[in-house]
């Protein structure tokens, strides 16, 4: 996939130390991220393709089903308008 995902304008990825959780800060909304969503989104900097993100995550988490799950997760966030 040649898409190079990046956070949309106005969307900020933030780690809340009090809650020990990653958050997506959106205009008038906060989304609490669970599991590995934060580490996945940290790789969405507009320079890596989806395939490169999947490859990097596959190296970090060799037993996780990243190939099957990450592209769909990123596509869902794109559909929400949180990724471009």
C-alpha atoms as a PDB file:
ATOM      1  CA  UNK A   1       0.000   0.000   0.000  1.00  0.00           C
ATOM      2  CA  UNK A   2       1.465   3.382  -0.982  1.00  0.00           C
ATOM      3  CA  UNK A   3      -0.595   5.470   1.442  1.00  0.00           C
ATOM      4  CA  UNK A   4       1.633   7.240   3.983  1.00  0.00           C
ATOM      5  CA  UNK A   5      -0.697   7.858   6.945  1.00  0.00           C
ATOM      6  CA  UNK A   6      -0.323  10.921   9.135  1.00  0.00           C
ATOM      7  CA  UNK A   7      -2.521  12.473  11.792  1.00  0.00           C
ATOM      8  CA  UNK A   8      -5.053  14.884  10.361  1.00  0.00           C
ATOM      9  CA  UNK A   9      -4.754  18.568  11.067  1.00  0.00           C
ATOM     10  CA  UNK A  10      -6.086  19.292  14.533  1.00  0.00           C
ATOM     11  CA  UNK A  11      -5.511  15.723  15.784  1.00  0.00           C
ATOM     12  CA  UNK A  12      -2.829  15.265  18.439  1.00  0.00           C
ATOM     13  CA  UNK A  13      -1.467  12.039  19.902  1.00  0.00           C
ATOM     14  CA  UNK A  14      -0.755  12.543  23.601  1.00  0.00           C
ATOM     15  CA  UNK A  15       0.373  10.251  26.398  1.00  0.00           C
ATOM     16  CA  UNK A  16      -1.428  10.990  29.661  1.00  0.00           C
ATOM     17  CA  UNK A  17       0.925  10.018  32.491  1.00  0.00           C
ATOM     18  CA  UNK A  18      -1.822  10.213  35.103  1.00  0.00           C
ATOM     19  CA  UNK A  19      -4.064   7.727  33.286  1.00  0.00           C
ATOM     20  CA  UNK A  20      -1.086   5.821  31.821  1.00  0.00           C
ATOM     21  CA  UNK A  21      -2.921   5.918  28.504  1.00  0.00           C
ATOM     22  CA  UNK A  22      -2.416   7.254  25.016  1.00  0.00           C
ATOM     23  CA  UNK A  23      -5.052   9.732  23.878  1.00  0.00           C
ATOM     24  CA  UNK A  24      -6.082  11.220  20.577  1.00  0.00           C
ATOM     25  CA  UNK A  25      -7.000  14.830  21.178  1.00  0.00           C
ATOM     26  CA  UNK A  26      -9.541  15.985  18.615  1.00  0.00           C
ATOM     27  CA  UNK A  27     -11.510  19.186  18.357  1.00  0.00           C
ATOM     28  CA  UNK A  28     -14.158  18.906  21.094  1.00  0.00           C
ATOM     29  CA  UNK A  29     -13.368  15.221  21.712  1.00  0.00           C
ATOM     30  CA  UNK A  30     -10.837  12.951  23.410  1.00  0.00           C
ATOM     31  CA  UNK A  31     -10.374   9.327  22.380  1.00  0.00           C
ATOM     32  CA  UNK A  32      -8.667   6.971  24.837  1.00  0.00           C
ATOM     33  CA  UNK A  33      -6.510   4.498  22.928  1.00  0.00           C
ATOM     34  CA  UNK A  34      -6.153   0.932  24.138  1.00  0.00           C
ATOM     35  CA  UNK A  35      -3.590  -1.768  23.582  1.00  0.00           C
ATOM     36  CA  UNK A  36      -1.039  -1.066  20.885  1.00  0.00           C
ATOM     37  CA  UNK A  37      -3.012   1.719  19.181  1.00  0.00           C
ATOM     38  CA  UNK A  38      -0.660   4.405  20.494  1.00  0.00           C
ATOM     39  CA  UNK A  39       2.542   2.743  19.254  1.00  0.00           C
ATOM     40  CA  UNK A  40       0.891   2.148  15.877  1.00  0.00           C
ATOM     41  CA  UNK A  41      -0.146   5.793  15.550  1.00  0.00           C
ATOM     42  CA  UNK A  42       3.313   7.032  16.564  1.00  0.00           C
ATOM     43  CA  UNK A  43       4.566   5.467  13.335  1.00  0.00           C
ATOM     44  CA  UNK A  44       2.017   7.430  11.275  1.00  0.00           C
ATOM     45  CA  UNK A  45       4.247  10.386  10.534  1.00  0.00           C
ATOM     46  CA  UNK A  46       3.585  10.741   6.811  1.00  0.00           C
ATOM     47  CA  UNK A  47       6.942   9.249   5.827  1.00  0.00           C
ATOM     48  CA  UNK A  48       6.198   5.530   6.199  1.00  0.00           C
ATOM     49  CA  UNK A  49       3.851   3.547   3.993  1.00  0.00           C
ATOM     50  CA  UNK A  50       1.327   1.208   5.574  1.00  0.00           C
ATOM     51  CA  UNK A  51       3.523  -1.713   4.489  1.00  0.00           C
ATOM     52  CA  UNK A  52       6.547  -0.149   6.220  1.00  0.00           C
ATOM     53  CA  UNK A  53       4.508   0.399   9.398  1.00  0.00           C
ATOM     54  CA  UNK A  54       3.356  -3.224   9.329  1.00  0.00           C
ATOM     55  CA  UNK A  55       6.935  -4.425   8.772  1.00  0.00           C
ATOM     56  CA  UNK A  56       8.282  -2.357  11.668  1.00  0.00           C
ATOM     57  CA  UNK A  57       5.532  -3.504  14.008  1.00  0.00           C
ATOM     58  CA  UNK A  58       6.080  -7.103  12.893  1.00  0.00           C
ATOM     59  CA  UNK A  59       9.708  -6.824  14.013  1.00  0.00           C
ATOM     60  CA  UNK A  60       8.726  -5.287  17.361  1.00  0.00           C
ATOM     61  CA  UNK A  61       5.860  -7.696  18.036  1.00  0.00           C
ATOM     62  CA  UNK A  62       6.658 -10.920  16.154  1.00  0.00           C
ATOM     63  CA  UNK A  63       3.723 -12.894  17.582  1.00  0.00           C
ATOM     64  CA  UNK A  64       1.086 -10.202  17.044  1.00  0.00           C
ATOM     65  CA  UNK A  65      -1.232 -10.376  13.997  1.00  0.00           C
ATOM     66  CA  UNK A  66      -0.082  -6.986  12.664  1.00  0.00           C
ATOM     67  CA  UNK A  67      -0.388  -7.937   8.992  1.00  0.00           C
ATOM     68  CA  UNK A  68      -4.029  -8.862   9.468  1.00  0.00           C
ATOM     69  CA  UNK A  69      -5.069  -6.050  11.811  1.00  0.00           C
ATOM     70  CA  UNK A  70      -3.031  -2.872  11.295  1.00  0.00           C
ATOM     71  CA  UNK A  71      -4.121  -1.987   7.724  1.00  0.00           C
ATOM     72  CA  UNK A  72      -7.795  -2.261   8.710  1.00  0.00           C
ATOM     73  CA  UNK A  73      -7.229  -0.248  11.880  1.00  0.00           C
ATOM     74  CA  UNK A  74      -5.535   2.542   9.932  1.00  0.00           C
ATOM     75  CA  UNK A  75      -8.256   2.491   7.270  1.00  0.00           C
ATOM     76  CA  UNK A  76     -10.923   2.827   9.977  1.00  0.00           C
ATOM     77  CA  UNK A  77      -9.155   5.853  11.456  1.00  0.00           C
ATOM     78  CA  UNK A  78      -8.845   7.348   7.992  1.00  0.00           C
ATOM     79  CA  UNK A  79     -12.585   6.884   7.482  1.00  0.00           C
ATOM     80  CA  UNK A  80     -13.180   8.724  10.784  1.00  0.00           C
ATOM     81  CA  UNK A  81     -11.074  11.589   9.436  1.00  0.00           C
ATOM     82  CA  UNK A  82      -8.345  11.205  12.051  1.00  0.00           C
ATOM     83  CA  UNK A  83      -5.685  10.178   9.514  1.00  0.00           C
ATOM     84  CA  UNK A  84      -4.841  11.594   6.103  1.00  0.00           C
END
